[in-house]
Amino acid sequence: MKENKKPDVNDPENSFGSSIYFLVSTLGRADSFSQHVDTQSNILIGVSTAIFAFAATKFGAHREFLFFDILGFFSALSAIFALLATHPPKFVRKKGQAESLMYNKKIVEFSSPAKYEHELSGIMATKEKITQQYATEIYNMYKYYYRPKRELYKISRNTLLLGIFLSFIVGTLSMVI
């Protein structure tokens, strides 16, 4: 029975395996971070939508009208930004960057599996070409996929918090006046 363990980074014969392990791990972390932002955004969508639904049922209430208007507006805006965070618009994430052979849209551009296999074989010829493909994919994943998702999530979260804060201030002031 073969043990599945990490390559020994101190073994000079296995330095290529260690490099691949590092690259695969780094790409996996980028994917993990993106999934985590998706989870956070989905939670924020639920909370924002629930707050909006609650505020919408109170529209037109006497003194609290402005309080619920503000709360409803900011929670709806927050839900929209959170929805955008789960799949950022193309203009935010697509900047004309070079794509690696691991990118799904690059793969489907090939007319057949044999042509993709041929291209992969050329890349697998040297450590430098493999590293270049991983570097391109990792860089693109962080810069053009994870970062826009994270920024939109933060805008969504801060929008909701701002709405809660402003509606609290307006609600408090309306009780005093």
N, C-alpha and C. Protein backbone atom coordinates (compact mmCIF):
# COMPACT_ATOMS: atom_id res chain seq x y z
N MET A 1 0.84 -1.18 0.00
CA MET A 1 0.00 0.00 0.00
C MET A 1 0.88 1.24 0.00
N LYS A 2 0.68 2.11 -0.97
CA LYS A 2 1.48 3.30 -1.12
C LYS A 2 0.91 4.43 -0.27
N GLU A 3 1.79 5.12 0.47
CA GLU A 3 1.35 6.24 1.28
C GLU A 3 1.27 7.50 0.43
N ASN A 4 0.25 8.28 0.65
CA ASN A 4 0.08 9.54 -0.06
C ASN A 4 0.62 10.64 0.85
N LYS A 5 1.86 11.09 0.57
CA LYS A 5 2.45 12.11 1.43
C LYS A 5 3.06 13.22 0.59
N LYS A 6 3.41 14.31 1.26
CA LYS A 6 4.00 15.46 0.60
C LYS A 6 5.41 15.09 0.13
N PRO A 7 5.85 15.68 -1.01
CA PRO A 7 7.21 15.42 -1.46
C PRO A 7 8.22 16.04 -0.49
N ASP A 8 9.38 15.42 -0.36
CA ASP A 8 10.45 15.90 0.49
C ASP A 8 11.14 17.06 -0.23
N VAL A 9 11.00 18.28 0.30
CA VAL A 9 11.56 19.45 -0.36
C VAL A 9 13.08 19.50 -0.29
N ASN A 10 13.69 18.74 0.61
CA ASN A 10 15.13 18.72 0.75
C ASN A 10 15.80 17.71 -0.19
N ASP A 11 15.01 16.87 -0.82
CA ASP A 11 15.53 15.87 -1.74
C ASP A 11 15.75 16.50 -3.11
N PRO A 12 17.04 16.66 -3.54
CA PRO A 12 17.31 17.33 -4.82
C PRO A 12 16.70 16.60 -6.01
N GLU A 13 16.52 15.30 -5.92
CA GLU A 13 15.92 14.54 -7.01
C GLU A 13 14.42 14.81 -7.13
N ASN A 14 13.85 15.31 -6.07
CA ASN A 14 12.40 15.54 -6.08
C ASN A 14 12.05 17.03 -6.06
N SER A 15 12.98 17.91 -6.43
CA SER A 15 12.70 19.34 -6.39
C SER A 15 11.59 19.73 -7.37
N PHE A 16 11.52 19.02 -8.51
CA PHE A 16 10.45 19.31 -9.47
C PHE A 16 9.10 18.92 -8.89
N GLY A 17 9.05 17.77 -8.23
CA GLY A 17 7.80 17.35 -7.57
C GLY A 17 7.39 18.32 -6.49
N SER A 18 8.37 18.84 -5.76
CA SER A 18 8.08 19.83 -4.72
C SER A 18 7.54 21.11 -5.33
N SER A 19 8.11 21.51 -6.45
CA SER A 19 7.64 22.72 -7.14
C SER A 19 6.20 22.54 -7.60
N ILE A 20 5.90 21.40 -8.17
CA ILE A 20 4.53 21.13 -8.63
C ILE A 20 3.57 21.12 -7.44
N TYR A 21 3.98 20.50 -6.35
CA TYR A 21 3.15 20.45 -5.15
C TYR A 21 2.85 21.87 -4.67
N PHE A 22 3.87 22.73 -4.66
CA PHE A 22 3.70 24.11 -4.24
C PHE A 22 2.72 24.84 -5.16
N LEU A 23 2.89 24.67 -6.46
CA LEU A 23 2.02 25.35 -7.43
C LEU A 23 0.58 24.88 -7.32
N VAL A 24 0.39 23.57 -7.20
CA VAL A 24 -0.97 23.02 -7.07
C VAL A 24 -1.61 23.52 -5.78
N SER A 25 -0.84 23.55 -4.69
CA SER A 25 -1.36 24.03 -3.41
C SER A 25 -1.75 25.51 -3.49
N THR A 26 -0.93 26.31 -4.15
CA THR A 26 -1.21 27.74 -4.28
C THR A 26 -2.47 27.97 -5.11
N LEU A 27 -2.61 27.23 -6.19
CA LEU A 27 -3.82 27.34 -7.02
C LEU A 27 -5.05 26.88 -6.23
N GLY A 28 -4.90 25.83 -5.45
CA GLY A 28 -6.00 25.35 -4.61
C GLY A 28 -6.43 26.37 -3.57
N ARG A 29 -5.46 27.08 -3.00
CA ARG A 29 -5.78 28.13 -2.02
C ARG A 29 -6.58 29.25 -2.68
N ALA A 30 -6.19 29.64 -3.89
CA ALA A 30 -6.93 30.70 -4.59
C ALA A 30 -8.38 30.28 -4.81
N ASP A 31 -8.57 29.03 -5.21
CA ASP A 31 -9.92 28.51 -5.41
C ASP A 31 -10.69 28.48 -4.09
N SER A 32 -10.03 28.08 -3.04
CA SER A 32 -10.64 28.03 -1.71
C SER A 32 -11.07 29.42 -1.24
N PHE A 33 -10.21 30.40 -1.44
CA PHE A 33 -10.54 31.77 -1.06
C PHE A 33 -11.76 32.26 -1.83
N SER A 34 -11.82 31.97 -3.11
CA SER A 34 -12.96 32.39 -3.92
C SER A 34 -14.25 31.74 -3.45
N GLN A 35 -14.18 30.47 -3.10
CA GLN A 35 -15.37 29.77 -2.60
C GLN A 35 -15.81 30.35 -1.25
N HIS A 36 -14.83 30.75 -0.43
CA HIS A 36 -15.15 31.33 0.86
C HIS A 36 -15.89 32.67 0.68
N VAL A 37 -15.43 33.49 -0.26
CA VAL A 37 -16.11 34.75 -0.54
C VAL A 37 -17.53 34.48 -1.05
N ASP A 38 -17.69 33.44 -1.87
CA ASP A 38 -19.03 33.07 -2.34
C ASP A 38 -19.94 32.72 -1.17
N THR A 39 -19.42 31.97 -0.22
CA THR A 39 -20.21 31.59 0.95
C THR A 39 -20.59 32.83 1.76
N GLN A 40 -19.63 33.71 1.98
CA GLN A 40 -19.92 34.95 2.71
C GLN A 40 -20.96 35.79 1.97
N SER A 41 -20.82 35.87 0.67
CA SER A 41 -21.77 36.66 -0.14
C SER A 41 -23.17 36.07 -0.08
N ASN A 42 -23.27 34.74 -0.13
CA ASN A 42 -24.58 34.10 -0.05
C ASN A 42 -25.26 34.37 1.29
N ILE A 43 -24.48 34.36 2.35
CA ILE A 43 -25.04 34.68 3.67
C ILE A 43 -25.52 36.13 3.69
N LEU A 44 -24.70 37.02 3.12
CA LEU A 44 -25.06 38.44 3.08
C LEU A 44 -26.30 38.67 2.21
N ILE A 45 -26.43 37.92 1.14
CA ILE A 45 -27.64 38.03 0.30
C ILE A 45 -28.87 37.68 1.13
N GLY A 46 -28.78 36.60 1.89
CA GLY A 46 -29.91 36.17 2.72
C GLY A 46 -30.26 37.20 3.78
N VAL A 47 -29.25 37.71 4.47
CA VAL A 47 -29.49 38.70 5.54
C VAL A 47 -30.05 40.00 4.94
N SER A 48 -29.44 40.47 3.88
CA SER A 48 -29.89 41.72 3.24
C SER A 48 -31.32 41.59 2.72
N THR A 49 -31.63 40.47 2.11
CA THR A 49 -32.97 40.25 1.58
C THR A 49 -34.00 40.18 2.71
N ALA A 50 -33.63 39.52 3.79
CA ALA A 50 -34.55 39.44 4.94
C ALA A 50 -34.80 40.82 5.53
N ILE A 51 -33.74 41.61 5.66
CA ILE A 51 -33.90 42.97 6.19
C ILE A 51 -34.75 43.81 5.25
N PHE A 52 -34.51 43.67 3.95
CA PHE A 52 -35.31 44.41 2.97
C PHE A 52 -36.78 44.01 3.08
N ALA A 53 -37.06 42.72 3.16
CA ALA A 53 -38.45 42.25 3.26
C ALA A 53 -39.11 42.81 4.52
N PHE A 54 -38.37 42.80 5.62
CA PHE A 54 -38.91 43.35 6.87
C PHE A 54 -39.19 44.84 6.72
N ALA A 55 -38.23 45.58 6.16
CA ALA A 55 -38.39 47.02 6.00
C ALA A 55 -39.52 47.34 5.03
N ALA A 56 -39.67 46.54 3.99
CA ALA A 56 -40.72 46.77 2.99
C ALA A 56 -42.11 46.61 3.59
N THR A 57 -42.25 45.74 4.57
CA THR A 57 -43.57 45.57 5.21
C THR A 57 -43.90 46.76 6.09
N LYS A 58 -42.91 47.56 6.43
CA LYS A 58 -43.12 48.70 7.32
C LYS A 58 -43.17 50.03 6.58
N PHE A 59 -43.02 50.02 5.25
CA PHE A 59 -43.08 51.27 4.49
C PHE A 59 -44.42 51.94 4.77
N GLY A 60 -44.38 53.22 4.98
CA GLY A 60 -45.62 53.96 5.21
C GLY A 60 -45.98 54.06 6.67
N ALA A 61 -45.21 53.41 7.55
CA ALA A 61 -45.47 53.56 8.98
C ALA A 61 -45.24 55.02 9.36
N HIS A 62 -45.92 55.50 10.35
CA HIS A 62 -45.96 56.92 10.65
C HIS A 62 -44.58 57.54 10.85
N ARG A 63 -44.07 57.56 12.03
CA ARG A 63 -42.81 58.25 12.31
C ARG A 63 -41.60 57.47 11.81
N GLU A 64 -41.74 56.18 11.67
CA GLU A 64 -40.59 55.35 11.28
C GLU A 64 -40.42 55.27 9.76
N PHE A 65 -41.23 55.98 9.00
CA PHE A 65 -41.21 55.87 7.54
C PHE A 65 -39.81 56.04 6.98
N LEU A 66 -39.13 57.10 7.34
CA LEU A 66 -37.79 57.37 6.83
C LEU A 66 -36.80 56.30 7.32
N PHE A 67 -36.97 55.86 8.55
CA PHE A 67 -36.13 54.81 9.11
C PHE A 67 -36.18 53.55 8.24
N PHE A 68 -37.39 53.12 7.90
CA PHE A 68 -37.54 51.90 7.10
C PHE A 68 -37.17 52.11 5.63
N ASP A 69 -37.39 53.34 5.12
CA ASP A 69 -36.96 53.65 3.76
C ASP A 69 -35.45 53.49 3.63
N ILE A 70 -34.73 54.08 4.56
CA ILE A 70 -33.27 54.00 4.54
C ILE A 70 -32.80 52.56 4.69
N LEU A 71 -33.37 51.86 5.65
CA LEU A 71 -33.00 50.47 5.88
C LEU A 71 -33.29 49.60 4.66
N GLY A 72 -34.46 49.79 4.07
CA GLY A 72 -34.83 49.01 2.89
C GLY A 72 -33.95 49.31 1.70
N PHE A 73 -33.65 50.59 1.46
CA PHE A 73 -32.82 50.98 0.33
C PHE A 73 -31.42 50.39 0.44
N PHE A 74 -30.78 50.55 1.59
CA PHE A 74 -29.41 50.07 1.75
C PHE A 74 -29.32 48.54 1.77
N SER A 75 -30.33 47.89 2.32
CA SER A 75 -30.30 46.42 2.32
C SER A 75 -30.50 45.87 0.91
N ALA A 76 -31.35 46.53 0.11
CA ALA A 76 -31.52 46.10 -1.28
C ALA A 76 -30.24 46.33 -2.07
N LEU A 77 -29.60 47.47 -1.86
CA LEU A 77 -28.34 47.76 -2.52
C LEU A 77 -27.26 46.74 -2.12
N SER A 78 -27.23 46.41 -0.85
CA SER A 78 -26.28 45.41 -0.35
C SER A 78 -26.51 44.05 -1.01
N ALA A 79 -27.76 43.64 -1.14
CA ALA A 79 -28.07 42.36 -1.78
C ALA A 79 -27.61 42.35 -3.24
N ILE A 80 -27.78 43.47 -3.92
CA ILE A 80 -27.36 43.56 -5.32
C ILE A 80 -25.84 43.43 -5.43
N PHE A 81 -25.10 44.14 -4.58
CA PHE A 81 -23.64 44.03 -4.61
C PHE A 81 -23.18 42.61 -4.25
N ALA A 82 -23.86 41.97 -3.30
CA ALA A 82 -23.50 40.60 -2.93
C ALA A 82 -23.77 39.63 -4.08
N LEU A 83 -24.86 39.86 -4.80
CA LEU A 83 -25.13 39.03 -5.98
C LEU A 83 -24.03 39.21 -7.03
N LEU A 84 -23.60 40.44 -7.22
CA LEU A 84 -22.51 40.70 -8.16
C LEU A 84 -21.20 40.05 -7.69
N ALA A 85 -21.01 39.95 -6.39
CA ALA A 85 -19.79 39.34 -5.85
C ALA A 85 -19.72 37.85 -6.16
N THR A 86 -20.87 37.19 -6.24
CA THR A 86 -20.84 35.76 -6.53
C THR A 86 -20.39 35.49 -7.97
N HIS A 87 -20.70 36.41 -8.87
CA HIS A 87 -20.21 36.32 -10.25
C HIS A 87 -20.00 37.73 -10.76
N PRO A 88 -18.78 38.26 -10.55
CA PRO A 88 -18.53 39.65 -10.95
C PRO A 88 -18.77 39.87 -12.44
N PRO A 89 -19.25 41.05 -12.81
CA PRO A 89 -19.47 41.35 -14.23
C PRO A 89 -18.16 41.26 -15.01
N LYS A 90 -18.28 40.97 -16.28
CA LYS A 90 -17.12 40.77 -17.14
C LYS A 90 -16.18 41.98 -17.14
N PHE A 91 -16.74 43.19 -17.14
CA PHE A 91 -15.88 44.37 -17.20
C PHE A 91 -15.01 44.52 -15.95
N VAL A 92 -15.39 43.88 -14.85
CA VAL A 92 -14.61 43.94 -13.62
C VAL A 92 -13.50 42.88 -13.61
N ARG A 93 -13.77 41.72 -14.18
CA ARG A 93 -12.83 40.61 -14.06
C ARG A 93 -12.06 40.31 -15.33
N LYS A 94 -12.44 40.88 -16.46
CA LYS A 94 -11.79 40.54 -17.72
C LYS A 94 -11.02 41.76 -18.21
N LYS A 95 -9.71 41.67 -18.22
CA LYS A 95 -8.88 42.81 -18.59
C LYS A 95 -7.98 42.50 -19.79
N GLY A 96 -8.27 41.48 -20.55
CA GLY A 96 -7.44 41.13 -21.70
C GLY A 96 -6.17 40.38 -21.33
N GLN A 97 -6.18 39.77 -20.16
CA GLN A 97 -5.01 39.06 -19.68
C GLN A 97 -4.77 37.76 -20.46
N ALA A 98 -3.53 37.32 -20.48
CA ALA A 98 -3.19 36.03 -21.10
C ALA A 98 -3.79 34.92 -20.25
N GLU A 99 -4.30 33.89 -20.88
CA GLU A 99 -4.92 32.78 -20.16
C GLU A 99 -4.02 31.55 -20.23
N SER A 100 -4.01 30.79 -19.17
CA SER A 100 -3.23 29.55 -19.15
C SER A 100 -4.03 28.44 -19.82
N LEU A 101 -3.39 27.33 -20.06
CA LEU A 101 -4.07 26.18 -20.65
C LEU A 101 -4.99 25.48 -19.65
N MET A 102 -5.02 25.95 -18.41
CA MET A 102 -5.91 25.38 -17.40
C MET A 102 -7.25 26.10 -17.36
N TYR A 103 -7.35 27.24 -18.01
CA TYR A 103 -8.57 28.04 -17.99
C TYR A 103 -9.63 27.38 -18.86
N ASN A 104 -10.83 27.21 -18.33
CA ASN A 104 -11.87 26.44 -19.03
C ASN A 104 -12.20 27.00 -20.41
N LYS A 105 -12.25 28.31 -20.55
CA LYS A 105 -12.59 28.88 -21.86
C LYS A 105 -11.45 28.69 -22.86
N LYS A 106 -10.23 28.63 -22.36
CA LYS A 106 -9.09 28.36 -23.23
C LYS A 106 -9.14 26.91 -23.71
N ILE A 107 -9.52 26.00 -22.83
CA ILE A 107 -9.60 24.58 -23.17
C ILE A 107 -10.62 24.35 -24.28
N VAL A 108 -11.81 24.93 -24.15
CA VAL A 108 -12.86 24.68 -25.13
C VAL A 108 -12.62 25.37 -26.47
N GLU A 109 -11.61 26.24 -26.54
CA GLU A 109 -11.25 26.85 -27.82
C GLU A 109 -10.62 25.83 -28.78
N PHE A 110 -10.07 24.75 -28.22
CA PHE A 110 -9.45 23.73 -29.07
C PHE A 110 -10.55 22.96 -29.79
N SER A 111 -10.28 22.62 -31.03
CA SER A 111 -11.30 21.95 -31.85
C SER A 111 -11.45 20.47 -31.51
N SER A 112 -10.46 19.89 -30.81
CA SER A 112 -10.56 18.47 -30.44
C SER A 112 -9.69 18.19 -29.22
N PRO A 113 -9.98 17.09 -28.53
CA PRO A 113 -9.13 16.71 -27.40
C PRO A 113 -7.68 16.44 -27.84
N ALA A 114 -7.52 15.94 -29.04
CA ALA A 114 -6.17 15.64 -29.54
C ALA A 114 -5.35 16.92 -29.67
N LYS A 115 -5.97 18.00 -30.13
CA LYS A 115 -5.25 19.27 -30.28
C LYS A 115 -4.89 19.85 -28.91
N TYR A 116 -5.79 19.70 -27.97
CA TYR A 116 -5.48 20.15 -26.60
C TYR A 116 -4.36 19.30 -26.02
N GLU A 117 -4.43 18.00 -26.23
CA GLU A 117 -3.38 17.09 -25.74
C GLU A 117 -2.03 17.47 -26.35
N HIS A 118 -2.02 17.79 -27.63
CA HIS A 118 -0.77 18.19 -28.30
C HIS A 118 -0.20 19.45 -27.65
N GLU A 119 -1.06 20.42 -27.39
CA GLU A 119 -0.62 21.66 -26.75
C GLU A 119 -0.10 21.40 -25.34
N LEU A 120 -0.80 20.53 -24.60
CA LEU A 120 -0.35 20.17 -23.26
C LEU A 120 1.00 19.47 -23.28
N SER A 121 1.19 18.61 -24.25
CA SER A 121 2.46 17.89 -24.35
C SER A 121 3.62 18.86 -24.55
N GLY A 122 3.39 19.90 -25.33
CA GLY A 122 4.43 20.91 -25.52
C GLY A 122 4.75 21.65 -24.24
N ILE A 123 3.74 21.90 -23.43
CA ILE A 123 3.93 22.59 -22.15
C ILE A 123 4.64 21.69 -21.15
N MET A 124 4.32 20.40 -21.16
CA MET A 124 4.88 19.47 -20.20
C MET A 124 6.34 19.14 -20.48
N ALA A 125 6.90 19.67 -21.55
CA ALA A 125 8.27 19.35 -21.94
C ALA A 125 9.31 19.87 -20.94
N THR A 126 9.06 21.03 -20.36
CA THR A 126 10.05 21.58 -19.43
C THR A 126 9.39 22.12 -18.17
N LYS A 127 10.18 22.16 -17.13
CA LYS A 127 9.72 22.68 -15.84
C LYS A 127 9.33 24.15 -15.97
N GLU A 128 10.08 24.90 -16.76
CA GLU A 128 9.82 26.33 -16.92
C GLU A 128 8.47 26.59 -17.57
N LYS A 129 8.12 25.80 -18.58
CA LYS A 129 6.83 25.98 -19.24
C LYS A 129 5.67 25.63 -18.32
N ILE A 130 5.84 24.58 -17.53
CA ILE A 130 4.80 24.20 -16.57
C ILE A 130 4.64 25.31 -15.53
N THR A 131 5.77 25.78 -15.01
CA THR A 131 5.74 26.85 -14.01
C THR A 131 5.08 28.11 -14.58
N GLN A 132 5.38 28.42 -15.83
CA GLN A 132 4.78 29.60 -16.47
C GLN A 132 3.27 29.46 -16.56
N GLN A 133 2.78 28.28 -16.91
CA GLN A 133 1.33 28.07 -17.02
C GLN A 133 0.66 28.19 -15.65
N TYR A 134 1.28 27.60 -14.63
CA TYR A 134 0.73 27.72 -13.28
C TYR A 134 0.78 29.16 -12.80
N ALA A 135 1.89 29.84 -13.06
CA ALA A 135 2.02 31.24 -12.63
C ALA A 135 0.93 32.09 -13.27
N THR A 136 0.67 31.88 -14.54
CA THR A 136 -0.38 32.63 -15.24
C THR A 136 -1.73 32.34 -14.62
N GLU A 137 -2.03 31.08 -14.38
CA GLU A 137 -3.33 30.71 -13.81
C GLU A 137 -3.50 31.24 -12.39
N ILE A 138 -2.47 31.12 -11.57
CA ILE A 138 -2.55 31.59 -10.18
C ILE A 138 -2.71 33.10 -10.14
N TYR A 139 -1.92 33.80 -10.93
CA TYR A 139 -2.00 35.26 -10.98
C TYR A 139 -3.39 35.71 -11.42
N ASN A 140 -3.89 35.12 -12.50
CA ASN A 140 -5.21 35.48 -13.00
C ASN A 140 -6.30 35.18 -11.98
N MET A 141 -6.17 34.06 -11.30
CA MET A 141 -7.17 33.66 -10.32
C MET A 141 -7.25 34.69 -9.19
N TYR A 142 -6.10 35.10 -8.69
CA TYR A 142 -6.10 36.07 -7.61
C TYR A 142 -6.48 37.47 -8.10
N LYS A 143 -5.88 37.95 -9.15
CA LYS A 143 -6.08 39.33 -9.57
C LYS A 143 -7.42 39.57 -10.25
N TYR A 144 -7.84 38.66 -11.11
CA TYR A 144 -9.03 38.93 -11.93
C TYR A 144 -10.27 38.16 -11.51
N TYR A 145 -10.14 37.29 -10.52
CA TYR A 145 -11.31 36.53 -10.08
C TYR A 145 -11.54 36.75 -8.58
N TYR A 146 -10.57 36.38 -7.75
CA TYR A 146 -10.75 36.51 -6.30
C TYR A 146 -10.85 37.97 -5.87
N ARG A 147 -9.93 38.82 -6.33
CA ARG A 147 -9.91 40.22 -5.89
C ARG A 147 -11.22 40.95 -6.21
N PRO A 148 -11.77 40.86 -7.43
CA PRO A 148 -13.06 41.54 -7.67
C PRO A 148 -14.18 41.00 -6.79
N LYS A 149 -14.20 39.67 -6.56
CA LYS A 149 -15.22 39.08 -5.70
C LYS A 149 -15.10 39.66 -4.28
N ARG A 150 -13.88 39.72 -3.79
CA ARG A 150 -13.64 40.20 -2.43
C ARG A 150 -14.03 41.68 -2.31
N GLU A 151 -13.67 42.48 -3.29
CA GLU A 151 -13.99 43.91 -3.25
C GLU A 151 -15.51 44.13 -3.29
N LEU A 152 -16.20 43.41 -4.15
CA LEU A 152 -17.66 43.55 -4.22
C LEU A 152 -18.33 43.08 -2.93
N TYR A 153 -17.79 42.02 -2.33
CA TYR A 153 -18.32 41.55 -1.04
C TYR A 153 -18.15 42.64 0.02
N LYS A 154 -16.97 43.26 0.07
CA LYS A 154 -16.72 44.30 1.07
C LYS A 154 -17.63 45.51 0.85
N ILE A 155 -17.86 45.88 -0.40
CA ILE A 155 -18.79 46.97 -0.69
C ILE A 155 -20.19 46.61 -0.20
N SER A 156 -20.61 45.37 -0.44
CA SER A 156 -21.92 44.91 -0.02
C SER A 156 -22.06 44.95 1.51
N ARG A 157 -21.07 44.42 2.18
CA ARG A 157 -21.09 44.39 3.65
C ARG A 157 -21.12 45.80 4.22
N ASN A 158 -20.27 46.67 3.69
CA ASN A 158 -20.21 48.03 4.20
C ASN A 158 -21.47 48.82 3.88
N THR A 159 -22.09 48.53 2.75
CA THR A 159 -23.35 49.18 2.39
C THR A 159 -24.44 48.81 3.39
N LEU A 160 -24.51 47.53 3.73
CA LEU A 160 -25.51 47.09 4.70
C LEU A 160 -25.26 47.72 6.07
N LEU A 161 -24.01 47.73 6.49
CA LEU A 161 -23.68 48.33 7.79
C LEU A 161 -23.98 49.82 7.81
N LEU A 162 -23.68 50.51 6.72
CA LEU A 162 -23.99 51.93 6.62
C LEU A 162 -25.50 52.17 6.70
N GLY A 163 -26.26 51.34 6.02
CA GLY A 163 -27.71 51.46 6.06
C GLY A 163 -28.28 51.24 7.45
N ILE A 164 -27.76 50.25 8.13
CA ILE A 164 -28.22 49.98 9.51
C ILE A 164 -27.87 51.15 10.41
N PHE A 165 -26.64 51.65 10.27
CA PHE A 165 -26.19 52.78 11.09
C PHE A 165 -27.03 54.03 10.82
N LEU A 166 -27.22 54.37 9.54
CA LEU A 166 -28.00 55.57 9.20
C LEU A 166 -29.45 55.44 9.65
N SER A 167 -30.04 54.27 9.45
CA SER A 167 -31.43 54.11 9.87
C SER A 167 -31.56 54.16 11.39
N PHE A 168 -30.55 53.68 12.10
CA PHE A 168 -30.55 53.77 13.56
C PHE A 168 -30.49 55.23 14.00
N ILE A 169 -29.61 56.00 13.36
CA ILE A 169 -29.48 57.43 13.68
C ILE A 169 -30.80 58.15 13.40
N VAL A 170 -31.37 57.93 12.22
CA VAL A 170 -32.63 58.59 11.84
C VAL A 170 -33.75 58.14 12.79
N GLY A 171 -33.80 56.84 13.10
CA GLY A 171 -34.83 56.35 14.03
C GLY A 171 -34.69 56.96 15.41
N THR A 172 -33.47 57.10 15.88
CA THR A 172 -33.24 57.69 17.19
C THR A 172 -33.61 59.18 17.18
N LEU A 173 -33.22 59.88 16.13
CA LEU A 173 -33.55 61.29 16.03
C LEU A 173 -35.05 61.53 15.92
N SER A 174 -35.75 60.64 15.20
CA SER A 174 -37.20 60.81 15.06
C SER A 174 -37.92 60.57 16.38
N MET A 175 -37.35 59.77 17.26
CA MET A 175 -37.97 59.55 18.58
C MET A 175 -37.73 60.75 19.50
N VAL A 176 -36.59 61.40 19.32
CA VAL A 176 -36.25 62.55 20.16
C VAL A 176 -37.05 63.77 19.74
N ILE A 177 -37.25 63.93 18.44
CA ILE A 177 -37.93 65.12 17.94
C ILE A 177 -39.40 65.05 18.10
